[in-house]
Amino acid sequence: MYDFKSARRRIEELKLIYRQNKKHHQEDGTWGWWITAQIEEIEKEIEEAHKTRTAVRQDDRSDLNIITLTIPQ
């Protein structure tokens, strides 16, 4: 199962690193590209994990939602 909490935490860490570097270095594309690429990659992983999780839930729920009525006679 995908660890959403750790992934979001890592994104926040990368954003903090980006902001800190932005204060001390000029935005010329030499350092920020790697950080933004990492953030985008993790965000895509989260999105894919959400899609997979939703698809699995829908399949599992369809099997579990069978209602059988018992009518006393």
PDB file of N, CA and C in Angstrom:
ATOM      1  N   MET A   1       0.842  -1.179   0.000  1.00  0.00           N
ATOM      2  CA  MET A   1       0.000   0.000   0.000  1.00  0.00           C
ATOM      3  C   MET A   1       0.886   1.241   0.000  1.00  0.00           C
ATOM      4  N   TYR A   2       0.480   2.234  -0.741  1.00  0.00           N
ATOM      5  CA  TYR A   2       1.262   3.454  -0.892  1.00  0.00           C
ATOM      6  C   TYR A   2       1.208   4.285   0.392  1.00  0.00           C
ATOM      7  N   ASP A   3       2.335   4.833   0.789  1.00  0.00           N
ATOM      8  CA  ASP A   3       2.427   5.637   2.012  1.00  0.00           C
ATOM      9  C   ASP A   3       2.208   7.112   1.659  1.00  0.00           C
ATOM     10  N   PHE A   4       0.937   7.527   1.675  1.00  0.00           N
ATOM     11  CA  PHE A   4       0.573   8.890   1.296  1.00  0.00           C
ATOM     12  C   PHE A   4       1.176   9.921   2.236  1.00  0.00           C
ATOM     13  N   LYS A   5       1.188   9.611   3.519  1.00  0.00           N
ATOM     14  CA  LYS A   5       1.682  10.558   4.525  1.00  0.00           C
ATOM     15  C   LYS A   5       3.163  10.869   4.294  1.00  0.00           C
ATOM     16  N   SER A   6       3.955   9.858   4.064  1.00  0.00           N
ATOM     17  CA  SER A   6       5.386  10.062   3.812  1.00  0.00           C
ATOM     18  C   SER A   6       5.628  10.817   2.511  1.00  0.00           C
ATOM     19  N   ALA A   7       4.833  10.522   1.512  1.00  0.00           N
ATOM     20  CA  ALA A   7       4.982  11.209   0.224  1.00  0.00           C
ATOM     21  C   ALA A   7       4.673  12.697   0.370  1.00  0.00           C
ATOM     22  N   ARG A   8       3.597  13.014   1.083  1.00  0.00           N
ATOM     23  CA  ARG A   8       3.250  14.428   1.285  1.00  0.00           C
ATOM     24  C   ARG A   8       4.306  15.135   2.134  1.00  0.00           C
ATOM     25  N   ARG A   9       4.835  14.419   3.127  1.00  0.00           N
ATOM     26  CA  ARG A   9       5.886  14.983   3.968  1.00  0.00           C
ATOM     27  C   ARG A   9       7.118  15.291   3.124  1.00  0.00           C
ATOM     28  N   ARG A  10       7.464  14.382   2.216  1.00  0.00           N
ATOM     29  CA  ARG A  10       8.629  14.593   1.353  1.00  0.00           C
ATOM     30  C   ARG A  10       8.414  15.790   0.438  1.00  0.00           C
ATOM     31  N   ILE A  11       7.211  15.965  -0.074  1.00  0.00           N
ATOM     32  CA  ILE A  11       6.916  17.134  -0.911  1.00  0.00           C
ATOM     33  C   ILE A  11       7.127  18.409  -0.105  1.00  0.00           C
ATOM     34  N   GLU A  12       6.651  18.428   1.128  1.00  0.00           N
ATOM     35  CA  GLU A  12       6.829  19.614   1.975  1.00  0.00           C
ATOM     36  C   GLU A  12       8.306  19.877   2.252  1.00  0.00           C
ATOM     37  N   GLU A  13       9.089  18.822   2.465  1.00  0.00           N
ATOM     38  CA  GLU A  13      10.530  18.978   2.666  1.00  0.00           C
ATOM     39  C   GLU A  13      11.192  19.578   1.431  1.00  0.00           C
ATOM     40  N   LEU A  14      10.817  19.074   0.267  1.00  0.00           N
ATOM     41  CA  LEU A  14      11.387  19.593  -0.979  1.00  0.00           C
ATOM     42  C   LEU A  14      11.000  21.049  -1.212  1.00  0.00           C
ATOM     43  N   LYS A  15       9.758  21.394  -0.875  1.00  0.00           N
ATOM     44  CA  LYS A  15       9.330  22.790  -1.021  1.00  0.00           C
ATOM     45  C   LYS A  15      10.123  23.696  -0.085  1.00  0.00           C
ATOM     46  N   LEU A  16      10.397  23.235   1.128  1.00  0.00           N
ATOM     47  CA  LEU A  16      11.194  24.008   2.080  1.00  0.00           C
ATOM     48  C   LEU A  16      12.609  24.207   1.547  1.00  0.00           C
ATOM     49  N   ILE A  17      13.205  23.154   1.026  1.00  0.00           N
ATOM     50  CA  ILE A  17      14.545  23.256   0.438  1.00  0.00           C
ATOM     51  C   ILE A  17      14.542  24.264  -0.706  1.00  0.00           C
ATOM     52  N   TYR A  18      13.498  24.207  -1.530  1.00  0.00           N
ATOM     53  CA  TYR A  18      13.394  25.122  -2.669  1.00  0.00           C
ATOM     54  C   TYR A  18      13.330  26.577  -2.180  1.00  0.00           C
ATOM     55  N   ARG A  19      12.469  26.823  -1.175  1.00  0.00           N
ATOM     56  CA  ARG A  19      12.340  28.190  -0.646  1.00  0.00           C
ATOM     57  C   ARG A  19      13.644  28.684  -0.026  1.00  0.00           C
ATOM     58  N   GLN A  20      14.329  27.808   0.695  1.00  0.00           N
ATOM     59  CA  GLN A  20      15.605  28.201   1.305  1.00  0.00           C
ATOM     60  C   GLN A  20      16.645  28.522   0.248  1.00  0.00           C
ATOM     61  N   ASN A  21      16.728  27.712  -0.784  1.00  0.00           N
ATOM     62  CA  ASN A  21      17.684  27.969  -1.864  1.00  0.00           C
ATOM     63  C   ASN A  21      17.328  29.234  -2.625  1.00  0.00           C
ATOM     64  N   LYS A  22      16.045  29.495  -2.758  1.00  0.00           N
ATOM     65  CA  LYS A  22      15.589  30.674  -3.494  1.00  0.00           C
ATOM     66  C   LYS A  22      16.045  31.960  -2.804  1.00  0.00           C
ATOM     67  N   LYS A  23      16.135  31.923  -1.474  1.00  0.00           N
ATOM     68  CA  LYS A  23      16.593  33.106  -0.723  1.00  0.00           C
ATOM     69  C   LYS A  23      18.065  33.395  -0.971  1.00  0.00           C
ATOM     70  N   HIS A  24      18.861  32.343  -1.183  1.00  0.00           N
ATOM     71  CA  HIS A  24      20.311  32.502  -1.279  1.00  0.00           C
ATOM     72  C   HIS A  24      20.870  32.394  -2.686  1.00  0.00           C
ATOM     73  N   HIS A  25      20.088  31.874  -3.594  1.00  0.00           N
ATOM     74  CA  HIS A  25      20.575  31.679  -4.961  1.00  0.00           C
ATOM     75  C   HIS A  25      19.601  32.294  -5.956  1.00  0.00           C
ATOM     76  N   GLN A  26      20.160  32.737  -7.053  1.00  0.00           N
ATOM     77  CA  GLN A  26      19.347  33.312  -8.114  1.00  0.00           C
ATOM     78  C   GLN A  26      18.612  32.203  -8.864  1.00  0.00           C
ATOM     79  N   GLU A  27      17.368  32.462  -9.242  1.00  0.00           N
ATOM     80  CA  GLU A  27      16.598  31.474 -10.013  1.00  0.00           C
ATOM     81  C   GLU A  27      17.025  31.527 -11.477  1.00  0.00           C
ATOM     82  N   ASP A  28      18.014  30.713 -11.795  1.00  0.00           N
ATOM     83  CA  ASP A  28      18.518  30.691 -13.164  1.00  0.00           C
ATOM     84  C   ASP A  28      18.330  29.332 -13.829  1.00  0.00           C
ATOM     85  N   GLY A  29      17.636  28.426 -13.144  1.00  0.00           N
ATOM     86  CA  GLY A  29      17.358  27.125 -13.728  1.00  0.00           C
ATOM     87  C   GLY A  29      18.436  26.089 -13.492  1.00  0.00           C
ATOM     88  N   THR A  30      19.489  26.443 -12.755  1.00  0.00           N
ATOM     89  CA  THR A  30      20.574  25.488 -12.534  1.00  0.00           C
ATOM     90  C   THR A  30      20.343  24.599 -11.315  1.00  0.00           C
ATOM     91  N   TRP A  31      19.563  25.037 -10.367  1.00  0.00           N
ATOM     92  CA  TRP A  31      19.358  24.246  -9.153  1.00  0.00           C
ATOM     93  C   TRP A  31      17.901  23.870  -8.914  1.00  0.00           C
ATOM     94  N   GLY A  32      16.966  24.671  -9.338  1.00  0.00           N
ATOM     95  CA  GLY A  32      15.561  24.448  -9.034  1.00  0.00           C
ATOM     96  C   GLY A  32      14.892  23.366  -9.853  1.00  0.00           C
ATOM     97  N   TRP A  33      15.439  23.046 -10.998  1.00  0.00           N
ATOM     98  CA  TRP A  33      14.798  22.080 -11.893  1.00  0.00           C
ATOM     99  C   TRP A  33      14.711  20.695 -11.266  1.00  0.00           C
ATOM    100  N   TRP A  34      15.762  20.300 -10.524  1.00  0.00           N
ATOM    101  CA  TRP A  34      15.771  18.964  -9.925  1.00  0.00           C
ATOM    102  C   TRP A  34      14.705  18.859  -8.830  1.00  0.00           C
ATOM    103  N   ILE A  35      14.608  19.896  -8.014  1.00  0.00           N
ATOM    104  CA  ILE A  35      13.631  19.887  -6.921  1.00  0.00           C
ATOM    105  C   ILE A  35      12.210  19.871  -7.471  1.00  0.00           C
ATOM    106  N   THR A  36      11.916  20.713  -8.439  1.00  0.00           N
ATOM    107  CA  THR A  36      10.565  20.738  -9.011  1.00  0.00           C
ATOM    108  C   THR A  36      10.241  19.422  -9.723  1.00  0.00           C
ATOM    109  N   ALA A  37      11.237  18.811 -10.357  1.00  0.00           N
ATOM    110  CA  ALA A  37      11.007  17.519 -11.013  1.00  0.00           C
ATOM    111  C   ALA A  37      10.677  16.441  -9.982  1.00  0.00           C
ATOM    112  N   GLN A  38      11.357  16.456  -8.850  1.00  0.00           N
ATOM    113  CA  GLN A  38      11.084  15.491  -7.786  1.00  0.00           C
ATOM    114  C   GLN A  38       9.674  15.681  -7.223  1.00  0.00           C
ATOM    115  N   ILE A  39       9.289  16.934  -7.012  1.00  0.00           N
ATOM    116  CA  ILE A  39       7.946  17.234  -6.503  1.00  0.00           C
ATOM    117  C   ILE A  39       6.885  16.736  -7.481  1.00  0.00           C
ATOM    118  N   GLU A  40       7.064  17.030  -8.759  1.00  0.00           N
ATOM    119  CA  GLU A  40       6.104  16.600  -9.774  1.00  0.00           C
ATOM    120  C   GLU A  40       6.020  15.070  -9.852  1.00  0.00           C
ATOM    121  N   GLU A  41       7.155  14.394  -9.725  1.00  0.00           N
ATOM    122  CA  GLU A  41       7.162  12.930  -9.783  1.00  0.00           C
ATOM    123  C   GLU A  41       6.391  12.332  -8.600  1.00  0.00           C
ATOM    124  N   ILE A  42       6.605  12.868  -7.415  1.00  0.00           N
ATOM    125  CA  ILE A  42       5.895  12.357  -6.236  1.00  0.00           C
ATOM    126  C   ILE A  42       4.407  12.643  -6.344  1.00  0.00           C
ATOM    127  N   GLU A  43       4.046  13.827  -6.846  1.00  0.00           N
ATOM    128  CA  GLU A  43       2.629  14.157  -7.023  1.00  0.00           C
ATOM    129  C   GLU A  43       1.966  13.199  -8.018  1.00  0.00           C
ATOM    130  N   LYS A  44       2.674  12.813  -9.071  1.00  0.00           N
ATOM    131  CA  LYS A  44       2.137  11.838 -10.032  1.00  0.00           C
ATOM    132  C   LYS A  44       1.960  10.473  -9.378  1.00  0.00           C
ATOM    133  N   GLU A  45       2.928  10.085  -8.541  1.00  0.00           N
ATOM    134  CA  GLU A  45       2.816   8.805  -7.827  1.00  0.00           C
ATOM    135  C   GLU A  45       1.585   8.807  -6.914  1.00  0.00           C
ATOM    136  N   ILE A  46       1.363   9.917  -6.220  1.00  0.00           N
ATOM    137  CA  ILE A  46       0.199  10.033  -5.339  1.00  0.00           C
ATOM    138  C   ILE A  46      -1.082   9.913  -6.147  1.00  0.00           C
ATOM    139  N   GLU A  47      -1.133  10.612  -7.280  1.00  0.00           N
ATOM    140  CA  GLU A  47      -2.324  10.564  -8.137  1.00  0.00           C
ATOM    141  C   GLU A  47      -2.595   9.144  -8.635  1.00  0.00           C
ATOM    142  N   GLU A  48      -1.549   8.459  -9.078  1.00  0.00           N
ATOM    143  CA  GLU A  48      -1.707   7.078  -9.555  1.00  0.00           C
ATOM    144  C   GLU A  48      -2.142   6.144  -8.426  1.00  0.00           C
ATOM    145  N   ALA A  49      -1.584   6.353  -7.251  1.00  0.00           N
ATOM    146  CA  ALA A  49      -1.959   5.518  -6.105  1.00  0.00           C
ATOM    147  C   ALA A  49      -3.421   5.737  -5.738  1.00  0.00           C
ATOM    148  N   HIS A  50      -3.884   6.991  -5.844  1.00  0.00           N
ATOM    149  CA  HIS A  50      -5.299   7.271  -5.584  1.00  0.00           C
ATOM    150  C   HIS A  50      -6.190   6.561  -6.606  1.00  0.00           C
ATOM    151  N   LYS A  51      -5.792   6.591  -7.877  1.00  0.00           N
ATOM    152  CA  LYS A  51      -6.572   5.925  -8.918  1.00  0.00           C
ATOM    153  C   LYS A  51      -6.630   4.422  -8.673  1.00  0.00           C
ATOM    154  N   THR A  52      -5.502   3.833  -8.347  1.00  0.00           N
ATOM    155  CA  THR A  52      -5.442   2.393  -8.088  1.00  0.00           C
ATOM    156  C   THR A  52      -6.281   2.039  -6.873  1.00  0.00           C
ATOM    157  N   ARG A  53      -6.172   2.847  -5.853  1.00  0.00           N
ATOM    158  CA  ARG A  53      -6.928   2.605  -4.615  1.00  0.00           C
ATOM    159  C   ARG A  53      -8.425   2.687  -4.863  1.00  0.00           C
ATOM    160  N   THR A  54      -8.850   3.662  -5.648  1.00  0.00           N
ATOM    161  CA  THR A  54     -10.265   3.819  -5.973  1.00  0.00           C
ATOM    162  C   THR A  54     -10.757   2.638  -6.804  1.00  0.00           C
ATOM    163  N   ALA A  55      -9.963   2.205  -7.776  1.00  0.00           N
ATOM    164  CA  ALA A  55     -10.361   1.079  -8.617  1.00  0.00           C
ATOM    165  C   ALA A  55     -10.502  -0.198  -7.796  1.00  0.00           C
ATOM    166  N   VAL A  56      -9.602  -0.429  -6.886  1.00  0.00           N
ATOM    167  CA  VAL A  56      -9.666  -1.623  -6.044  1.00  0.00           C
ATOM    168  C   VAL A  56     -10.894  -1.568  -5.153  1.00  0.00           C
ATOM    169  N   ARG A  57     -11.151  -0.425  -4.568  1.00  0.00           N
ATOM    170  CA  ARG A  57     -12.325  -0.289  -3.708  1.00  0.00           C
ATOM    171  C   ARG A  57     -13.609  -0.579  -4.459  1.00  0.00           C
ATOM    172  N   GLN A  58     -13.720  -0.046  -5.665  1.00  0.00           N
ATOM    173  CA  GLN A  58     -14.943  -0.261  -6.426  1.00  0.00           C
ATOM    174  C   GLN A  58     -15.132  -1.735  -6.723  1.00  0.00           C
ATOM    175  N   ASP A  59     -14.056  -2.437  -7.057  1.00  0.00           N
ATOM    176  CA  ASP A  59     -14.162  -3.874  -7.338  1.00  0.00           C
ATOM    177  C   ASP A  59     -14.542  -4.643  -6.077  1.00  0.00           C
ATOM    178  N   ASP A  60     -13.889  -4.357  -4.982  1.00  0.00           N
ATOM    179  CA  ASP A  60     -14.172  -5.076  -3.739  1.00  0.00           C
ATOM    180  C   ASP A  60     -15.590  -4.807  -3.248  1.00  0.00           C
ATOM    181  N   ARG A  61     -16.024  -3.590  -3.356  1.00  0.00           N
ATOM    182  CA  ARG A  61     -17.355  -3.247  -2.859  1.00  0.00           C
ATOM    183  C   ARG A  61     -18.456  -3.890  -3.695  1.00  0.00           C
ATOM    184  N   SER A  62     -18.189  -4.055  -4.984  1.00  0.00           N
ATOM    185  CA  SER A  62     -19.228  -4.666  -5.818  1.00  0.00           C
ATOM    186  C   SER A  62     -19.496  -6.101  -5.382  1.00  0.00           C
ATOM    187  N   ASP A  63     -18.458  -6.807  -4.916  1.00  0.00           N
ATOM    188  CA  ASP A  63     -18.644  -8.173  -4.433  1.00  0.00           C
ATOM    189  C   ASP A  63     -19.320  -8.202  -3.064  1.00  0.00           C
ATOM    190  N   LEU A  64     -19.067  -7.205  -2.262  1.00  0.00           N
ATOM    191  CA  LEU A  64     -19.586  -7.196  -0.902  1.00  0.00           C
ATOM    192  C   LEU A  64     -20.999  -6.631  -0.791  1.00  0.00           C
ATOM    193  N   ASN A  65     -21.456  -5.960  -1.813  1.00  0.00           N
ATOM    194  CA  ASN A  65     -22.755  -5.290  -1.751  1.00  0.00           C
ATOM    195  C   ASN A  65     -23.901  -6.147  -2.275  1.00  0.00           C
ATOM    196  N   ILE A  66     -23.758  -7.431  -2.192  1.00  0.00           N
ATOM    197  CA  ILE A  66     -24.837  -8.318  -2.614  1.00  0.00           C
ATOM    198  C   ILE A  66     -25.785  -8.483  -1.432  1.00  0.00           C
ATOM    199  N   ILE A  67     -27.021  -8.099  -1.615  1.00  0.00           N
ATOM    200  CA  ILE A  67     -28.008  -8.164  -0.551  1.00  0.00           C
ATOM    201  C   ILE A  67     -28.923  -9.357  -0.810  1.00  0.00           C
ATOM    202  N   THR A  68     -29.035 -10.200   0.181  1.00  0.00           N
ATOM    203  CA  THR A  68     -29.901 -11.366   0.082  1.00  0.00           C
ATOM    204  C   THR A  68     -31.017 -11.204   1.101  1.00  0.00           C
ATOM    205  N   LEU A  69     -32.225 -11.205   0.630  1.00  0.00           N
ATOM    206  CA  LEU A  69     -33.368 -11.061   1.518  1.00  0.00           C
ATOM    207  C   LEU A  69     -33.892 -12.430   1.929  1.00  0.00           C
ATOM    208  N   THR A  70     -34.208 -12.528   3.180  1.00  0.00           N
ATOM    209  CA  THR A  70     -34.831 -13.738   3.695  1.00  0.00           C
ATOM    210  C   THR A  70     -36.224 -13.366   4.175  1.00  0.00           C
ATOM    211  N   ILE A  71     -37.216 -13.872   3.509  1.00  0.00           N
ATOM    212  CA  ILE A  71     -38.604 -13.553   3.852  1.00  0.00           C
ATOM    213  C   ILE A  71     -39.192 -14.730   4.631  1.00  0.00           C
ATOM    214  N   PRO A  72     -39.586 -14.479   5.876  1.00  0.00           N
ATOM    215  CA  PRO A  72     -40.167 -15.575   6.664  1.00  0.00           C
ATOM    216  C   PRO A  72     -41.528 -15.982   6.105  1.00  0.00           C
ATOM    217  N   GLN A  73     -41.851 -17.268   6.179  1.00  0.00           N
ATOM    218  CA  GLN A  73     -43.129 -17.741   5.637  1.00  0.00           C
ATOM    219  C   GLN A  73     -44.012 -18.325   6.701  1.00  0.00           C
TER     220      GLN A  73
END
